[in-house]
Amino acid sequence: GDWRSSGMAFRLPLFQEEEFAKELKVVDKLKVIAHDHGKSVAQMAIAWTLGHSAVSVGLVGVRNERELKENVAAVDWKLSDATRKEIDAVFTEEGVTTHVDTDQAI
């Protein structure tokens, strides 16, 4: 079956209490970085994705007009190398993996 719709994803380590607590710390730190640039975390995520050499297409979703405008505003934001390193360092500092092995959810 499809691990995304089966609820099996919640068996992944990233959703376990200890890991999830670390991920929430990451989000708090990312909010500060985004705020320092006058942007939202969502905008920073879009800019990071679109500026990553391994990404050819960034797919985002919206629920309302405000989110649409926010997401579109992120397209022109080009993250500096220093900002990218700062973002990457947040994950390293908290020991949060940036790779999910979906086989663990099966």
Protein backbone atom coordinates (compact mmCIF):
# COMPACT_ATOMS: atom_id res chain seq x y z
CA GLY A 1 0.00 0.00 0.00
CA ASP A 2 0.84 3.64 -0.14
CA TRP A 3 2.85 4.47 2.99
CA ARG A 4 1.79 8.16 2.82
CA SER A 5 -1.93 7.52 3.13
CA SER A 6 -1.74 4.45 5.37
CA GLY A 7 -0.43 6.24 8.44
CA MET A 8 2.68 4.08 8.20
CA ALA A 9 4.80 7.23 7.83
CA PHE A 10 4.31 7.90 11.51
CA ARG A 11 6.49 4.86 12.21
CA LEU A 12 9.44 6.70 10.69
CA PRO A 13 12.07 7.82 13.21
CA LEU A 14 11.41 11.43 12.27
CA PHE A 15 7.97 11.22 13.92
CA GLN A 16 9.16 9.58 17.13
CA GLU A 17 9.05 11.77 20.24
CA GLU A 18 12.79 12.33 20.65
CA GLU A 19 13.38 13.13 16.98
CA PHE A 20 10.24 15.23 16.70
CA ALA A 21 11.36 17.40 19.64
CA LYS A 22 14.66 18.06 17.83
CA GLU A 23 12.79 18.92 14.66
CA LEU A 24 10.66 21.46 16.51
CA LYS A 25 13.89 23.13 17.70
CA VAL A 26 15.04 23.25 14.09
CA VAL A 27 11.79 24.95 13.07
CA ASP A 28 12.23 27.56 15.80
CA LYS A 29 15.77 28.32 14.60
CA LEU A 30 14.64 28.46 10.97
CA LYS A 31 11.94 30.96 11.94
CA VAL A 32 14.66 33.26 13.29
CA ILE A 33 16.73 33.00 10.11
CA ALA A 34 13.68 33.66 7.92
CA HIS A 35 12.57 36.57 10.13
CA ASP A 36 16.06 38.10 9.91
CA HIS A 37 15.52 38.25 6.14
CA GLY A 38 11.96 39.55 6.42
CA LYS A 39 10.55 36.27 5.12
CA SER A 40 8.49 33.34 6.37
CA VAL A 41 9.83 29.83 6.86
CA ALA A 42 7.66 28.73 3.94
CA GLN A 43 9.29 31.35 1.71
CA MET A 44 12.73 30.29 2.88
CA ALA A 45 11.93 26.65 2.14
CA ILE A 46 10.78 27.55 -1.36
CA ALA A 47 13.89 29.67 -2.00
CA TRP A 48 16.12 26.88 -0.65
CA THR A 49 14.41 24.28 -2.84
CA LEU A 50 14.42 26.33 -6.03
CA GLY A 51 18.06 27.29 -5.53
CA HIS A 52 19.30 23.77 -4.86
CA SER A 53 21.34 22.28 -7.70
CA ALA A 54 19.79 18.82 -7.23
CA VAL A 55 16.23 20.13 -7.61
CA SER A 56 14.71 20.65 -11.03
CA VAL A 57 11.14 21.45 -9.92
CA GLY A 58 9.74 22.75 -6.66
CA LEU A 59 6.15 21.75 -5.93
CA VAL A 60 4.22 23.77 -3.38
CA GLY A 61 0.62 23.83 -2.28
CA VAL A 62 -1.66 26.60 -1.15
CA ARG A 63 -4.91 26.69 0.74
CA ASN A 64 -5.84 30.31 0.16
CA GLU A 65 -4.95 33.51 -1.68
CA ARG A 66 -2.65 34.74 1.11
CA GLU A 67 -0.52 31.58 0.89
CA LEU A 68 -0.43 31.88 -2.90
CA LYS A 69 0.91 35.44 -2.69
CA GLU A 70 3.41 34.45 0.00
CA ASN A 71 4.72 31.54 -2.07
CA VAL A 72 4.98 33.57 -5.27
CA ALA A 73 6.94 36.26 -3.39
CA ALA A 74 9.57 33.65 -2.51
CA VAL A 75 10.43 32.80 -6.10
CA ASP A 76 12.77 35.78 -6.58
CA TRP A 77 14.63 35.29 -3.29
CA LYS A 78 18.08 33.91 -4.02
CA LEU A 79 19.68 32.62 -0.84
CA SER A 80 23.30 33.60 -0.34
CA ASP A 81 25.88 30.90 0.28
CA ALA A 82 26.18 32.19 3.85
CA THR A 83 22.43 31.81 4.44
CA ARG A 84 22.45 28.30 2.95
CA LYS A 85 25.29 27.34 5.27
CA GLU A 86 23.41 28.85 8.21
CA ILE A 87 20.31 26.82 7.35
CA ASP A 88 22.31 23.61 6.91
CA ALA A 89 24.09 24.22 10.22
CA VAL A 90 20.77 24.27 12.07
CA PHE A 91 20.09 20.66 11.09
CA THR A 92 23.63 19.59 11.97
CA GLU A 93 23.56 21.36 15.35
CA GLU A 94 20.34 19.63 16.36
CA GLY A 95 21.38 16.27 14.89
CA VAL A 96 18.37 16.13 12.59
CA THR A 97 18.68 14.03 9.47
CA THR A 98 17.79 15.58 6.14
CA HIS A 99 17.08 12.21 4.51
CA VAL A 100 14.04 10.01 5.07
CA ASP A 101 14.28 6.29 4.29
CA THR A 102 10.70 5.43 3.34
CA ASP A 103 11.49 1.71 3.58
CA GLN A 104 11.46 2.21 7.36
CA ALA A 105 7.74 3.00 7.20
CA ILE A 106 6.77 -0.31 5.64
